[in-house]
Amino acid sequence: MDSFSSPSMSSSGSSANPEVLMDQIKAQLAQAYAQEFLETVGNKCFAKCVTKPGSSLSGSESNCISRCVDRYIEATGIVSRALFSSTR
């Protein structure tokens, strides 16, 4: 079974409830977005905050990464609210 099929769909797809299918698609898109977001933020914050990679993070590197991730999350929330409020 690939990532786009579900156990509730028949081979023809004719018995699938459109609302259930839409909810499944939304969940898959949300998961993919979250995964991409975490990867992007992780890469950017790591590149910005870790100057000399080693076996563990220093306290300042850890704090920098934490603040960096917090800023990305806050910025994403602001952009999302602006986009969703303008569509209404």
N, C-alpha and C. Protein backbone atom coordinates (compact mmCIF):
# COMPACT_ATOMS: atom_id res chain seq x y z
N MET A 1 0.84 -1.17 0.00
CA MET A 1 0.00 0.00 0.00
C MET A 1 0.89 1.24 0.00
N ASP A 2 0.69 2.16 -0.94
CA ASP A 2 1.50 3.36 -0.97
C ASP A 2 0.94 4.41 -0.02
N SER A 3 1.63 5.54 0.08
CA SER A 3 1.24 6.56 1.06
C SER A 3 -0.04 7.30 0.68
N PHE A 4 -0.54 7.10 -0.54
CA PHE A 4 -1.75 7.79 -0.96
C PHE A 4 -3.00 6.91 -0.92
N SER A 5 -2.84 5.65 -0.62
CA SER A 5 -4.01 4.78 -0.55
C SER A 5 -4.39 4.57 0.90
N SER A 6 -5.62 4.19 1.10
CA SER A 6 -6.07 3.96 2.46
C SER A 6 -6.89 2.68 2.49
N PRO A 7 -6.97 2.05 3.64
CA PRO A 7 -7.73 0.82 3.73
C PRO A 7 -9.22 1.01 3.46
N SER A 8 -9.74 2.24 3.64
CA SER A 8 -11.16 2.46 3.46
C SER A 8 -11.55 2.61 2.00
N MET A 9 -10.58 2.75 1.11
CA MET A 9 -10.90 2.93 -0.31
C MET A 9 -10.94 1.58 -1.01
N SER A 10 -11.93 1.43 -1.87
CA SER A 10 -11.96 0.23 -2.70
C SER A 10 -11.03 0.45 -3.88
N SER A 11 -10.83 -0.57 -4.68
CA SER A 11 -9.91 -0.43 -5.80
C SER A 11 -10.40 0.61 -6.80
N SER A 12 -11.72 0.78 -6.91
CA SER A 12 -12.23 1.78 -7.83
C SER A 12 -12.36 3.15 -7.18
N GLY A 13 -12.36 3.18 -5.83
CA GLY A 13 -12.46 4.44 -5.12
C GLY A 13 -13.87 4.98 -5.06
N SER A 14 -14.85 4.25 -5.61
CA SER A 14 -16.21 4.77 -5.69
C SER A 14 -16.92 4.76 -4.34
N SER A 15 -16.50 3.94 -3.39
CA SER A 15 -17.19 3.87 -2.12
C SER A 15 -16.54 4.77 -1.07
N ALA A 16 -15.53 5.52 -1.43
CA ALA A 16 -14.84 6.37 -0.48
C ALA A 16 -15.68 7.61 -0.18
N ASN A 17 -15.78 7.93 1.10
CA ASN A 17 -16.47 9.12 1.53
C ASN A 17 -15.57 10.32 1.23
N PRO A 18 -16.05 11.29 0.46
CA PRO A 18 -15.18 12.42 0.11
C PRO A 18 -14.66 13.19 1.32
N GLU A 19 -15.47 13.31 2.38
CA GLU A 19 -15.02 14.03 3.57
C GLU A 19 -13.90 13.28 4.27
N VAL A 20 -14.02 11.96 4.36
CA VAL A 20 -12.99 11.14 5.00
C VAL A 20 -11.71 11.22 4.17
N LEU A 21 -11.85 11.12 2.88
CA LEU A 21 -10.69 11.21 1.99
C LEU A 21 -10.00 12.57 2.12
N MET A 22 -10.79 13.63 2.17
CA MET A 22 -10.22 14.97 2.32
C MET A 22 -9.50 15.10 3.66
N ASP A 23 -10.06 14.55 4.73
CA ASP A 23 -9.41 14.59 6.04
C ASP A 23 -8.08 13.83 6.00
N GLN A 24 -8.05 12.70 5.32
CA GLN A 24 -6.82 11.92 5.21
C GLN A 24 -5.76 12.69 4.42
N ILE A 25 -6.17 13.35 3.37
CA ILE A 25 -5.24 14.14 2.56
C ILE A 25 -4.70 15.31 3.38
N LYS A 26 -5.59 15.98 4.12
CA LYS A 26 -5.15 17.09 4.97
C LYS A 26 -4.15 16.62 6.01
N ALA A 27 -4.41 15.46 6.61
CA ALA A 27 -3.49 14.92 7.62
C ALA A 27 -2.13 14.60 7.01
N GLN A 28 -2.13 14.01 5.82
CA GLN A 28 -0.87 13.68 5.15
C GLN A 28 -0.11 14.95 4.78
N LEU A 29 -0.82 15.97 4.29
CA LEU A 29 -0.16 17.22 3.95
C LEU A 29 0.40 17.91 5.19
N ALA A 30 -0.36 17.88 6.29
CA ALA A 30 0.12 18.49 7.53
C ALA A 30 1.37 17.78 8.03
N GLN A 31 1.38 16.46 7.93
CA GLN A 31 2.55 15.69 8.36
C GLN A 31 3.76 16.01 7.48
N ALA A 32 3.54 16.07 6.17
CA ALA A 32 4.64 16.39 5.25
C ALA A 32 5.15 17.80 5.49
N TYR A 33 4.25 18.74 5.73
CA TYR A 33 4.66 20.12 6.01
C TYR A 33 5.47 20.19 7.29
N ALA A 34 5.00 19.52 8.33
CA ALA A 34 5.71 19.54 9.62
C ALA A 34 7.10 18.94 9.47
N GLN A 35 7.20 17.85 8.73
CA GLN A 35 8.49 17.20 8.53
C GLN A 35 9.44 18.12 7.76
N GLU A 36 8.95 18.75 6.72
CA GLU A 36 9.78 19.67 5.92
C GLU A 36 10.18 20.89 6.76
N PHE A 37 9.24 21.40 7.54
CA PHE A 37 9.52 22.55 8.40
C PHE A 37 10.63 22.23 9.39
N LEU A 38 10.51 21.09 10.06
CA LEU A 38 11.53 20.71 11.05
C LEU A 38 12.89 20.50 10.41
N GLU A 39 12.90 19.90 9.23
CA GLU A 39 14.18 19.69 8.54
C GLU A 39 14.81 21.02 8.14
N THR A 40 14.01 21.92 7.60
CA THR A 40 14.52 23.23 7.17
C THR A 40 15.02 24.03 8.37
N VAL A 41 14.20 24.10 9.40
CA VAL A 41 14.59 24.85 10.59
C VAL A 41 15.83 24.23 11.23
N GLY A 42 15.85 22.93 11.33
CA GLY A 42 17.01 22.26 11.91
C GLY A 42 18.28 22.55 11.15
N ASN A 43 18.22 22.48 9.84
CA ASN A 43 19.41 22.75 9.02
C ASN A 43 19.85 24.20 9.14
N LYS A 44 18.90 25.14 9.06
CA LYS A 44 19.26 26.55 9.12
C LYS A 44 19.78 26.94 10.49
N CYS A 45 19.11 26.47 11.53
CA CYS A 45 19.55 26.82 12.88
C CYS A 45 20.89 26.15 13.21
N PHE A 46 21.08 24.94 12.76
CA PHE A 46 22.36 24.27 13.00
C PHE A 46 23.48 25.05 12.31
N ALA A 47 23.26 25.42 11.06
CA ALA A 47 24.28 26.15 10.31
C ALA A 47 24.59 27.49 10.96
N LYS A 48 23.57 28.15 11.51
CA LYS A 48 23.75 29.46 12.12
C LYS A 48 24.43 29.35 13.49
N CYS A 49 24.09 28.32 14.25
CA CYS A 49 24.48 28.28 15.67
C CYS A 49 25.68 27.39 15.99
N VAL A 50 25.95 26.40 15.17
CA VAL A 50 27.02 25.46 15.49
C VAL A 50 28.21 25.78 14.59
N THR A 51 29.20 26.43 15.19
CA THR A 51 30.36 26.86 14.41
C THR A 51 31.42 25.77 14.30
N LYS A 52 31.55 24.97 15.36
CA LYS A 52 32.54 23.89 15.36
C LYS A 52 31.85 22.60 15.82
N PRO A 53 31.31 21.82 14.88
CA PRO A 53 30.63 20.58 15.27
C PRO A 53 31.54 19.66 16.08
N GLY A 54 30.99 19.09 17.12
CA GLY A 54 31.73 18.16 17.96
C GLY A 54 30.80 17.05 18.40
N SER A 55 31.18 16.39 19.45
CA SER A 55 30.38 15.25 19.92
C SER A 55 29.15 15.70 20.71
N SER A 56 29.13 16.97 21.16
CA SER A 56 27.95 17.48 21.86
C SER A 56 27.88 18.99 21.66
N LEU A 57 26.72 19.56 21.96
CA LEU A 57 26.53 21.00 21.82
C LEU A 57 26.99 21.71 23.08
N SER A 58 27.58 22.87 22.90
CA SER A 58 27.91 23.70 24.05
C SER A 58 26.62 24.37 24.54
N GLY A 59 26.69 24.96 25.70
CA GLY A 59 25.52 25.65 26.24
C GLY A 59 25.06 26.78 25.35
N SER A 60 26.00 27.55 24.84
CA SER A 60 25.63 28.68 23.97
C SER A 60 25.05 28.19 22.65
N GLU A 61 25.58 27.10 22.11
CA GLU A 61 25.02 26.53 20.87
C GLU A 61 23.60 26.04 21.10
N SER A 62 23.41 25.37 22.21
CA SER A 62 22.08 24.86 22.55
C SER A 62 21.08 26.00 22.71
N ASN A 63 21.48 27.06 23.41
CA ASN A 63 20.60 28.22 23.59
C ASN A 63 20.31 28.90 22.26
N CYS A 64 21.32 29.01 21.41
CA CYS A 64 21.15 29.63 20.10
C CYS A 64 20.15 28.83 19.25
N ILE A 65 20.29 27.53 19.24
CA ILE A 65 19.38 26.69 18.47
C ILE A 65 17.95 26.82 19.01
N SER A 66 17.82 26.82 20.32
CA SER A 66 16.50 26.95 20.93
C SER A 66 15.84 28.27 20.55
N ARG A 67 16.59 29.37 20.63
CA ARG A 67 16.04 30.68 20.25
C ARG A 67 15.73 30.73 18.76
N CYS A 68 16.59 30.16 17.94
CA CYS A 68 16.40 30.13 16.49
C CYS A 68 15.11 29.39 16.13
N VAL A 69 14.92 28.21 16.71
CA VAL A 69 13.71 27.42 16.44
C VAL A 69 12.48 28.18 16.92
N ASP A 70 12.56 28.79 18.10
CA ASP A 70 11.43 29.58 18.61
C ASP A 70 11.06 30.70 17.66
N ARG A 71 12.07 31.39 17.10
CA ARG A 71 11.79 32.48 16.16
C ARG A 71 11.13 31.96 14.88
N TYR A 72 11.61 30.83 14.36
CA TYR A 72 10.99 30.25 13.16
C TYR A 72 9.54 29.86 13.43
N ILE A 73 9.28 29.26 14.58
CA ILE A 73 7.91 28.86 14.92
C ILE A 73 7.02 30.09 15.05
N GLU A 74 7.52 31.11 15.72
CA GLU A 74 6.74 32.34 15.87
C GLU A 74 6.46 32.99 14.52
N ALA A 75 7.48 33.07 13.68
CA ALA A 75 7.32 33.66 12.35
C ALA A 75 6.33 32.87 11.51
N THR A 76 6.40 31.56 11.58
CA THR A 76 5.46 30.72 10.83
C THR A 76 4.03 30.96 11.30
N GLY A 77 3.85 31.10 12.61
CA GLY A 77 2.53 31.38 13.15
C GLY A 77 1.99 32.71 12.67
N ILE A 78 2.84 33.73 12.65
CA ILE A 78 2.42 35.05 12.19
C ILE A 78 2.01 35.00 10.72
N VAL A 79 2.83 34.36 9.90
CA VAL A 79 2.52 34.25 8.47
C VAL A 79 1.24 33.45 8.26
N SER A 80 1.08 32.36 8.98
CA SER A 80 -0.12 31.53 8.83
C SER A 80 -1.37 32.31 9.21
N ARG A 81 -1.31 33.02 10.33
CA ARG A 81 -2.48 33.81 10.75
C ARG A 81 -2.80 34.87 9.72
N ALA A 82 -1.78 35.51 9.17
CA ALA A 82 -2.01 36.55 8.15
C ALA A 82 -2.62 35.95 6.90
N LEU A 83 -2.14 34.80 6.47
CA LEU A 83 -2.68 34.16 5.27
C LEU A 83 -4.12 33.71 5.48
N PHE A 84 -4.40 33.09 6.62
CA PHE A 84 -5.73 32.56 6.85
C PHE A 84 -6.74 33.65 7.16
N SER A 85 -6.31 34.75 7.76
CA SER A 85 -7.24 35.84 8.04
C SER A 85 -7.58 36.60 6.76
N SER A 86 -6.66 36.64 5.81
CA SER A 86 -6.93 37.37 4.56
C SER A 86 -7.79 36.55 3.60
N THR A 87 -7.92 35.25 3.81
CA THR A 87 -8.74 34.43 2.92
C THR A 87 -10.20 34.43 3.34
N ARG A 88 -10.48 34.98 4.51
CA ARG A 88 -11.88 34.97 4.99
C ARG A 88 -12.61 36.19 4.56
